[in-house]
Amino acid sequence: MSDDFDWDAVAAEGKVVNQARETVVYLNPNNDVVIRQRADWPHEQENPFLVISLYRVRTLIDRLDKLLLDAHEIK
């Protein structure tokens, strides 16, 4: 196979898996949930992250669950 493969030429119809960044979820010292992704070098200098108060995690999960169910209904 040749190394001159044109990714852009097949991206619209041929792509089946998008790149996924490494993502971790953990509790910080204040017991907040942290969702952190590895920085996308050279575009980002720091790891992007979200900090969610522990008492709001259930609300987040419920919303994500609803979005997931809605997405399945659309297909």
N, C-alpha and C. Protein backbone atom coordinates (compact mmCIF):
# COMPACT_ATOMS: atom_id res chain seq x y z
N MET A 1 0.83 -1.20 0.00
CA MET A 1 0.00 0.00 0.00
C MET A 1 0.87 1.25 0.00
N SER A 2 0.34 2.27 -0.61
CA SER A 2 1.07 3.53 -0.70
C SER A 2 0.83 4.39 0.53
N ASP A 3 1.84 5.19 0.89
CA ASP A 3 1.71 6.10 2.02
C ASP A 3 1.03 7.41 1.64
N ASP A 4 0.63 7.58 0.39
CA ASP A 4 0.01 8.83 -0.05
C ASP A 4 -1.52 8.76 -0.03
N PHE A 5 -2.06 8.01 0.94
CA PHE A 5 -3.51 7.87 1.08
C PHE A 5 -4.15 9.22 1.36
N ASP A 6 -5.23 9.54 0.68
CA ASP A 6 -5.92 10.83 0.83
C ASP A 6 -7.11 10.67 1.78
N TRP A 7 -6.88 10.98 3.06
CA TRP A 7 -7.94 10.84 4.07
C TRP A 7 -9.13 11.73 3.78
N ASP A 8 -8.90 12.93 3.28
CA ASP A 8 -10.00 13.87 3.01
C ASP A 8 -10.94 13.36 1.93
N ALA A 9 -10.41 12.61 0.99
CA ALA A 9 -11.23 12.12 -0.12
C ALA A 9 -12.28 11.11 0.34
N VAL A 10 -12.01 10.38 1.39
CA VAL A 10 -12.96 9.36 1.86
C VAL A 10 -13.61 9.70 3.19
N ALA A 11 -13.23 10.81 3.78
CA ALA A 11 -13.70 11.14 5.13
C ALA A 11 -15.22 11.27 5.21
N ALA A 12 -15.84 11.87 4.21
CA ALA A 12 -17.28 12.12 4.27
C ALA A 12 -18.08 10.83 4.34
N GLU A 13 -17.75 9.85 3.53
CA GLU A 13 -18.54 8.62 3.48
C GLU A 13 -17.84 7.41 4.10
N GLY A 14 -16.52 7.44 4.14
CA GLY A 14 -15.80 6.26 4.56
C GLY A 14 -15.45 6.17 6.03
N LYS A 15 -15.53 7.29 6.73
CA LYS A 15 -15.11 7.27 8.13
C LYS A 15 -16.15 6.56 8.98
N VAL A 16 -15.69 5.60 9.76
CA VAL A 16 -16.60 4.87 10.65
C VAL A 16 -16.26 5.08 12.12
N VAL A 17 -15.05 5.54 12.42
CA VAL A 17 -14.65 5.80 13.80
C VAL A 17 -13.91 7.12 13.84
N ASN A 18 -14.38 8.03 14.69
CA ASN A 18 -13.67 9.29 14.90
C ASN A 18 -12.59 9.10 15.94
N GLN A 19 -11.61 9.95 15.90
CA GLN A 19 -10.57 9.92 16.92
C GLN A 19 -11.19 10.23 18.27
N ALA A 20 -10.79 9.50 19.27
CA ALA A 20 -11.29 9.75 20.63
C ALA A 20 -10.09 10.04 21.53
N ARG A 21 -10.20 11.13 22.26
CA ARG A 21 -9.12 11.46 23.19
C ARG A 21 -9.24 10.63 24.46
N GLU A 22 -8.09 10.41 25.07
CA GLU A 22 -8.08 9.72 26.35
C GLU A 22 -8.82 10.58 27.37
N THR A 23 -9.77 9.97 28.07
CA THR A 23 -10.61 10.68 29.02
C THR A 23 -10.61 9.93 30.35
N VAL A 24 -10.46 10.67 31.45
CA VAL A 24 -10.51 10.07 32.78
C VAL A 24 -11.56 10.79 33.62
N VAL A 25 -12.10 10.05 34.59
CA VAL A 25 -13.09 10.61 35.53
C VAL A 25 -12.62 10.24 36.93
N TYR A 26 -12.59 11.25 37.81
CA TYR A 26 -12.13 11.00 39.18
C TYR A 26 -12.69 12.05 40.12
N LEU A 27 -12.54 11.82 41.43
CA LEU A 27 -12.93 12.78 42.45
C LEU A 27 -11.71 13.61 42.83
N ASN A 28 -11.89 14.92 42.92
CA ASN A 28 -10.80 15.77 43.39
C ASN A 28 -10.84 15.82 44.92
N PRO A 29 -9.91 16.52 45.56
CA PRO A 29 -9.88 16.57 47.03
C PRO A 29 -11.14 17.17 47.66
N ASN A 30 -11.93 17.94 46.89
CA ASN A 30 -13.17 18.52 47.41
C ASN A 30 -14.38 17.62 47.16
N ASN A 31 -14.14 16.39 46.69
CA ASN A 31 -15.19 15.44 46.34
C ASN A 31 -16.07 15.92 45.19
N ASP A 32 -15.49 16.71 44.29
CA ASP A 32 -16.17 17.06 43.04
C ASP A 32 -15.75 16.03 42.00
N VAL A 33 -16.65 15.76 41.05
CA VAL A 33 -16.32 14.87 39.95
C VAL A 33 -15.57 15.68 38.90
N VAL A 34 -14.44 15.16 38.45
CA VAL A 34 -13.65 15.82 37.41
C VAL A 34 -13.63 14.90 36.19
N ILE A 35 -13.96 15.48 35.03
CA ILE A 35 -13.85 14.78 33.75
C ILE A 35 -12.75 15.50 32.99
N ARG A 36 -11.67 14.80 32.72
CA ARG A 36 -10.50 15.44 32.10
C ARG A 36 -10.09 14.67 30.86
N GLN A 37 -9.72 15.43 29.83
CA GLN A 37 -9.22 14.82 28.59
C GLN A 37 -7.77 15.22 28.38
N ARG A 38 -7.04 14.30 27.76
CA ARG A 38 -5.64 14.59 27.43
C ARG A 38 -5.61 15.71 26.39
N ALA A 39 -4.71 16.66 26.56
CA ALA A 39 -4.58 17.80 25.65
C ALA A 39 -4.32 17.32 24.22
N ASP A 40 -4.87 18.05 23.26
CA ASP A 40 -4.67 17.76 21.84
C ASP A 40 -3.55 18.65 21.33
N TRP A 41 -2.31 18.16 21.47
CA TRP A 41 -1.15 18.95 21.08
C TRP A 41 -1.10 19.09 19.58
N PRO A 42 -0.67 20.18 19.00
CA PRO A 42 -0.20 21.41 19.63
C PRO A 42 -1.32 22.44 19.83
N HIS A 43 -2.56 22.04 19.59
CA HIS A 43 -3.68 22.98 19.64
C HIS A 43 -4.02 23.43 21.06
N GLU A 44 -3.81 22.59 22.02
CA GLU A 44 -4.13 22.92 23.41
C GLU A 44 -2.88 22.79 24.26
N GLN A 45 -2.67 23.72 25.12
CA GLN A 45 -1.50 23.68 26.00
C GLN A 45 -1.81 22.99 27.31
N GLU A 46 -3.10 22.89 27.67
CA GLU A 46 -3.49 22.27 28.94
C GLU A 46 -4.60 21.26 28.68
N ASN A 47 -4.77 20.32 29.60
CA ASN A 47 -5.84 19.35 29.50
C ASN A 47 -7.18 20.03 29.76
N PRO A 48 -8.15 19.91 28.83
CA PRO A 48 -9.48 20.46 29.12
C PRO A 48 -10.18 19.58 30.18
N PHE A 49 -10.97 20.23 31.03
CA PHE A 49 -11.64 19.46 32.07
C PHE A 49 -12.93 20.14 32.52
N LEU A 50 -13.81 19.35 33.11
CA LEU A 50 -15.05 19.82 33.73
C LEU A 50 -15.00 19.42 35.20
N VAL A 51 -15.49 20.28 36.07
CA VAL A 51 -15.62 19.96 37.48
C VAL A 51 -17.09 20.08 37.83
N ILE A 52 -17.67 18.99 38.36
CA ILE A 52 -19.09 18.94 38.65
C ILE A 52 -19.26 18.59 40.12
N SER A 53 -20.02 19.40 40.82
CA SER A 53 -20.28 19.12 42.24
C SER A 53 -20.92 17.75 42.38
N LEU A 54 -20.48 17.00 43.37
CA LEU A 54 -20.96 15.64 43.56
C LEU A 54 -22.48 15.57 43.63
N TYR A 55 -23.11 16.55 44.27
CA TYR A 55 -24.57 16.51 44.41
C TYR A 55 -25.30 16.79 43.09
N ARG A 56 -24.60 17.23 42.05
CA ARG A 56 -25.22 17.48 40.74
C ARG A 56 -24.95 16.37 39.73
N VAL A 57 -24.19 15.36 40.12
CA VAL A 57 -23.84 14.29 39.20
C VAL A 57 -25.09 13.52 38.74
N ARG A 58 -26.01 13.25 39.64
CA ARG A 58 -27.23 12.53 39.26
C ARG A 58 -28.00 13.31 38.19
N THR A 59 -28.08 14.62 38.31
CA THR A 59 -28.75 15.44 37.31
C THR A 59 -28.05 15.32 35.96
N LEU A 60 -26.73 15.33 35.97
CA LEU A 60 -25.97 15.17 34.73
C LEU A 60 -26.23 13.81 34.11
N ILE A 61 -26.18 12.76 34.91
CA ILE A 61 -26.41 11.41 34.39
C ILE A 61 -27.82 11.29 33.82
N ASP A 62 -28.80 11.83 34.51
CA ASP A 62 -30.19 11.78 34.02
C ASP A 62 -30.31 12.49 32.67
N ARG A 63 -29.67 13.63 32.54
CA ARG A 63 -29.72 14.38 31.27
C ARG A 63 -29.02 13.61 30.15
N LEU A 64 -27.85 13.04 30.44
CA LEU A 64 -27.15 12.25 29.44
C LEU A 64 -27.97 11.03 29.03
N ASP A 65 -28.63 10.40 29.99
CA ASP A 65 -29.48 9.26 29.70
C ASP A 65 -30.63 9.65 28.78
N LYS A 66 -31.25 10.80 29.04
CA LYS A 66 -32.34 11.28 28.19
C LYS A 66 -31.84 11.56 26.78
N LEU A 67 -30.68 12.21 26.66
CA LEU A 67 -30.13 12.48 25.34
C LEU A 67 -29.84 11.18 24.59
N LEU A 68 -29.34 10.18 25.28
CA LEU A 68 -29.06 8.90 24.66
C LEU A 68 -30.34 8.24 24.16
N LEU A 69 -31.38 8.26 24.99
CA LEU A 69 -32.66 7.68 24.57
C LEU A 69 -33.25 8.44 23.39
N ASP A 70 -33.19 9.77 23.43
CA ASP A 70 -33.70 10.58 22.33
C ASP A 70 -32.94 10.30 21.04
N ALA A 71 -31.64 10.12 21.14
CA ALA A 71 -30.84 9.85 19.95
C ALA A 71 -31.21 8.52 19.31
N HIS A 72 -31.56 7.54 20.13
CA HIS A 72 -31.95 6.24 19.61
C HIS A 72 -33.32 6.30 18.94
N GLU A 73 -34.20 7.17 19.42
CA GLU A 73 -35.51 7.34 18.80
C GLU A 73 -35.44 8.01 17.44
N ILE A 74 -34.46 8.90 17.26
CA ILE A 74 -34.30 9.62 16.00
C ILE A 74 -33.92 8.67 14.88
N LYS A 75 -33.10 7.67 15.16
CA LYS A 75 -32.63 6.73 14.13
C LYS A 75 -33.72 5.84 13.76
